[in-house]
Amino acid sequence: MTRTRHFIMRHGETVYNLTRRLQSNTIHTPLTRRGCDQATRMGQALLGAPGPSPDAHIHVSDTGRALQTLGLIAEVAGFDWFAAQRSADLREIDMGSWCLRGYDEIEAEVGPIRMADHLLRPAPDGEDYPAIAARLSRWLAGPGSAPGDHVVVMHGISSRVLRGMMTGQPLRPEIGAPVGPSLVQGSIALIENGAETVFYGSEQGTEHA
C-alpha cells in the first residue's frame, strides 16, 4: 500500500517580508538573497526524501514568490519544475486593500492587525480564515488526495490553516478555523497519517502575508 506524505513549506523571504509589507497574490514579490538561500537549503533537505519526480506530486501556489522558491528547490532536489501543479487554492490570505502597504502604516490607521501567535487580522475587504479553509478543503479533496509523496510550496498563514486541518487541530474561535504551529521561513513540515513533525527548520515564525 502506497503511503501518503505531505512535505509542506513556505516560500523564501521576499523583499516585502524584509521591509514588513503585506504582499499581494497577484503582484510578483521577488525573493531576497536570504530567501534564495532558504529555498536552496530546503531543496538540499528534501534531496532523496520524497520519491523522485514524477513519482512525487509537486504542488505550488501560483504566486511568483512560491514559483521562484520552487524553482530553486527543484534545481537542487531534482524535481521537474514544469510538472508542478499550480493552484490558486494554495495562495496566501488575501488582505484586500491593505496589500502592498506597510504593517506600521496600516496599524497607525486601524489599530493592530497582528494577532497572537503570528496570525493576521483579516482586512475588512479581504479574506477571512473560514474562506481559506474552504479553498484548502477543495484542494485536499482533489490534487492533495493522491497516494504517494507530495511536495507543497505555499505561504505562511495558508500553510498553517492547511496543516491545522490535516492534523485535526481544534477550531480557533477567534478566527473560525484550525491552524498549525508557526514555522520560520525556510522550514519544512512533514505530515503523515494525521501527525506532523518539523522535517527541517524550526517553529515560531513571524507575520506572513
Protein backbone atom coordinates (compact mmCIF):
# COMPACT_ATOMS: atom_id res chain seq x y z
CA MET A 1 0.00 0.00 0.00
CA THR A 2 1.42 3.37 -1.04
CA ARG A 3 1.88 5.72 1.90
CA THR A 4 0.89 9.35 1.63
CA ARG A 5 3.16 12.07 2.95
CA HIS A 6 2.99 15.84 2.56
CA PHE A 7 6.13 17.99 2.75
CA ILE A 8 4.68 21.49 3.28
CA MET A 9 6.78 24.64 3.21
CA ARG A 10 6.61 28.42 2.98
CA HIS A 11 8.22 30.40 0.20
CA GLY A 12 11.55 32.05 0.98
CA GLU A 13 11.89 35.58 2.33
CA THR A 14 10.82 38.29 -0.11
CA VAL A 15 11.59 41.98 -0.41
CA TYR A 16 8.16 42.60 1.12
CA ASN A 17 8.88 40.34 4.10
CA LEU A 18 12.15 42.17 4.62
CA THR A 19 10.52 45.61 4.62
CA ARG A 20 7.43 44.49 6.60
CA ARG A 21 4.82 44.98 3.91
CA LEU A 22 1.73 42.93 3.19
CA GLN A 23 2.04 41.03 -0.05
CA SER A 24 -0.41 40.58 -2.89
CA ASN A 25 -1.29 37.31 -4.58
CA THR A 26 -1.34 38.99 -7.99
CA ILE A 27 1.91 41.01 -7.98
CA HIS A 28 5.24 39.19 -8.01
CA THR A 29 7.27 40.00 -4.89
CA PRO A 30 10.76 38.57 -5.53
CA LEU A 31 12.91 36.67 -3.08
CA THR A 32 15.78 38.34 -1.29
CA ARG A 33 19.24 36.80 -1.29
CA ARG A 34 18.35 35.27 2.07
CA GLY A 35 15.11 33.93 0.60
CA CYS A 36 17.05 32.29 -2.23
CA ASP A 37 19.39 30.70 0.31
CA GLN A 38 16.40 29.43 2.30
CA ALA A 39 14.92 27.83 -0.80
CA THR A 40 18.23 26.22 -1.72
CA ARG A 41 18.58 24.75 1.76
CA MET A 42 15.04 23.38 1.63
CA GLY A 43 15.95 21.70 -1.63
CA GLN A 44 19.03 20.20 -0.01
CA ALA A 45 16.93 18.95 2.92
CA LEU A 46 14.46 17.33 0.52
CA LEU A 47 17.14 15.64 -1.57
CA GLY A 48 16.24 11.96 -1.61
CA ALA A 49 13.44 12.32 0.99
CA PRO A 50 10.34 12.17 -1.19
CA GLY A 51 10.30 9.90 -4.20
CA PRO A 52 11.80 11.41 -7.35
CA SER A 53 9.64 13.38 -9.77
CA PRO A 54 7.30 12.31 -11.36
CA ASP A 55 6.63 9.80 -8.57
CA ALA A 56 6.34 12.68 -6.11
CA HIS A 57 3.43 15.06 -6.66
CA ILE A 58 4.68 18.65 -6.83
CA HIS A 59 2.24 21.41 -5.90
CA VAL A 60 2.77 25.15 -5.78
CA SER A 61 0.78 28.29 -5.17
CA ASP A 62 0.50 30.21 -8.43
CA THR A 63 2.14 33.31 -6.92
CA GLY A 64 5.52 34.47 -8.19
CA ARG A 65 7.28 34.11 -4.85
CA ALA A 66 6.16 30.49 -4.46
CA LEU A 67 7.09 29.64 -8.05
CA GLN A 68 10.52 31.23 -7.61
CA THR A 69 11.05 29.27 -4.38
CA LEU A 70 10.05 26.03 -6.08
CA GLY A 71 12.44 26.75 -8.95
CA LEU A 72 15.38 26.84 -6.53
CA ILE A 73 14.15 23.80 -4.61
CA ALA A 74 13.64 21.83 -7.83
CA GLU A 75 17.11 22.63 -9.10
CA VAL A 76 18.72 21.15 -6.01
CA ALA A 77 16.32 18.29 -5.26
CA GLY A 78 15.93 17.12 -8.85
CA PHE A 79 12.21 17.82 -9.26
CA ASP A 80 10.64 18.77 -12.58
CA TRP A 81 9.52 22.38 -12.07
CA PHE A 82 7.36 22.19 -15.19
CA ALA A 83 5.43 19.21 -13.83
CA ALA A 84 4.29 21.11 -10.75
CA GLN A 85 0.55 21.58 -10.33
CA ARG A 86 -0.13 25.29 -9.82
CA SER A 87 -3.14 26.15 -7.70
CA ALA A 88 -4.81 29.38 -6.63
CA ASP A 89 -6.25 27.36 -3.73
CA LEU A 90 -2.76 27.35 -2.16
CA ARG A 91 -2.44 31.15 -2.17
CA GLU A 92 -1.85 33.27 0.92
CA ILE A 93 -4.63 35.07 2.78
CA ASP A 94 -5.94 37.92 0.63
CA MET A 95 -5.53 41.12 2.62
CA GLY A 96 -7.65 43.24 0.28
CA SER A 97 -6.84 46.95 0.08
CA TRP A 98 -4.15 46.50 2.75
CA CYS A 99 -1.97 44.60 0.26
CA LEU A 100 1.36 46.22 -0.64
CA ARG A 101 1.21 48.57 2.34
CA GLY A 102 3.46 48.54 5.41
CA TYR A 103 2.33 46.99 8.67
CA ASP A 104 3.11 50.16 10.65
CA GLU A 105 1.27 52.37 8.16
CA ILE A 106 -1.91 50.27 8.35
CA GLU A 107 -1.78 49.94 12.14
CA ALA A 108 -1.45 53.71 12.50
CA GLU A 109 -4.83 53.97 10.75
CA VAL A 110 -6.84 50.98 12.03
CA GLY A 111 -5.03 49.64 15.09
CA PRO A 112 -3.27 46.30 15.49
CA ILE A 113 -3.54 43.83 12.62
CA ARG A 114 -1.07 41.36 14.12
CA MET A 115 -2.90 38.90 16.34
CA ALA A 116 -1.49 36.48 18.90
CA ASP A 117 0.57 33.54 17.66
CA HIS A 118 1.78 35.31 14.50
CA LEU A 119 -1.66 35.44 12.86
CA LEU A 120 -3.09 38.39 10.94
CA ARG A 121 -6.39 40.14 11.45
CA PRO A 122 -8.37 39.90 8.20
CA ALA A 123 -8.86 43.11 6.25
CA PRO A 124 -12.44 44.45 6.00
CA ASP A 125 -12.45 43.85 2.24
CA GLY A 126 -10.15 40.82 2.32
CA GLU A 127 -10.41 37.10 3.00
CA ASP A 128 -11.23 35.52 6.35
CA TYR A 129 -9.93 32.25 7.75
CA PRO A 130 -13.04 30.15 7.00
CA ALA A 131 -12.68 31.17 3.34
CA ILE A 132 -9.06 29.98 3.37
CA ALA A 133 -10.16 26.68 4.90
CA ALA A 134 -12.87 26.27 2.26
CA ARG A 135 -10.47 26.55 -0.67
CA LEU A 136 -7.90 24.33 1.03
CA SER A 137 -10.62 21.72 1.64
CA ARG A 138 -11.21 21.76 -2.12
CA TRP A 139 -7.50 21.21 -2.73
CA LEU A 140 -7.31 18.39 -0.17
CA ALA A 141 -10.24 16.62 -1.81
CA GLY A 142 -8.63 16.95 -5.23
CA PRO A 143 -4.89 17.20 -6.06
CA GLY A 144 -3.78 16.79 -2.46
CA SER A 145 -5.54 13.45 -2.01
CA ALA A 146 -3.50 11.26 -4.36
CA PRO A 147 -1.47 8.44 -2.76
CA GLY A 148 2.28 8.99 -2.55
CA ASP A 149 4.57 11.85 -1.61
CA HIS A 150 3.51 15.47 -2.04
CA VAL A 151 5.85 18.46 -2.09
CA VAL A 152 3.83 21.62 -1.41
CA VAL A 153 5.25 25.15 -1.69
CA MET A 154 2.89 27.82 -0.44
CA HIS A 155 2.64 30.53 2.23
CA GLY A 156 2.81 31.20 5.94
CA ILE A 157 -0.78 31.64 7.06
CA SER A 158 -2.44 29.46 4.44
CA SER A 159 0.01 26.63 5.17
CA ARG A 160 -0.83 26.87 8.87
CA VAL A 161 -4.54 26.50 8.10
CA LEU A 162 -3.80 23.55 5.81
CA ARG A 163 -1.63 21.85 8.42
CA GLY A 164 -4.21 22.52 11.12
CA MET A 165 -6.88 20.87 9.01
CA MET A 166 -4.71 17.88 8.12
CA THR A 167 -3.69 17.22 11.73
CA GLY A 168 -7.14 17.68 13.24
CA GLN A 169 -6.38 20.81 15.26
CA PRO A 170 -9.37 22.31 17.11
CA LEU A 171 -11.21 25.25 15.63
CA ARG A 172 -9.75 28.53 16.86
CA PRO A 173 -12.85 30.54 17.90
CA GLU A 174 -11.23 33.92 17.26
CA ILE A 175 -10.63 33.09 13.58
CA GLY A 176 -13.09 30.30 12.82
CA ALA A 177 -10.53 27.81 11.52
CA PRO A 178 -7.87 25.38 12.78
CA VAL A 179 -4.21 26.35 12.48
CA GLY A 180 -0.92 24.53 12.93
CA PRO A 181 2.13 25.94 14.72
CA SER A 182 4.01 28.87 13.22
CA LEU A 183 7.18 27.92 11.34
CA VAL A 184 10.03 30.19 10.31
CA GLN A 185 10.66 30.70 6.63
CA GLY A 186 12.92 28.00 5.28
CA SER A 187 11.22 25.28 7.35
CA ILE A 188 9.51 22.11 6.11
CA ALA A 189 6.61 20.41 7.91
CA LEU A 190 6.04 16.71 7.23
CA ILE A 191 2.52 15.35 7.68
CA GLU A 192 1.84 11.62 7.58
CA ASN A 193 -1.21 9.79 8.93
CA GLY A 194 -2.53 12.98 10.50
CA ALA A 195 0.65 13.61 12.53
CA GLU A 196 3.08 16.47 11.95
CA THR A 197 6.82 16.69 12.53
CA VAL A 198 9.21 19.50 11.66
CA PHE A 199 11.19 17.81 8.91
CA TYR A 200 13.58 20.75 8.55
CA GLY A 201 13.87 24.12 10.31
CA SER A 202 12.13 25.28 13.47
CA GLU A 203 8.91 26.64 14.95
CA GLN A 204 7.96 30.23 15.76
CA GLY A 205 7.72 32.29 12.62
CA THR A 206 6.72 35.91 12.11
CA GLU A 207 3.81 37.59 10.35
CA HIS A 208 3.49 36.06 6.93
CA ALA A 209 1.34 37.68 4.30
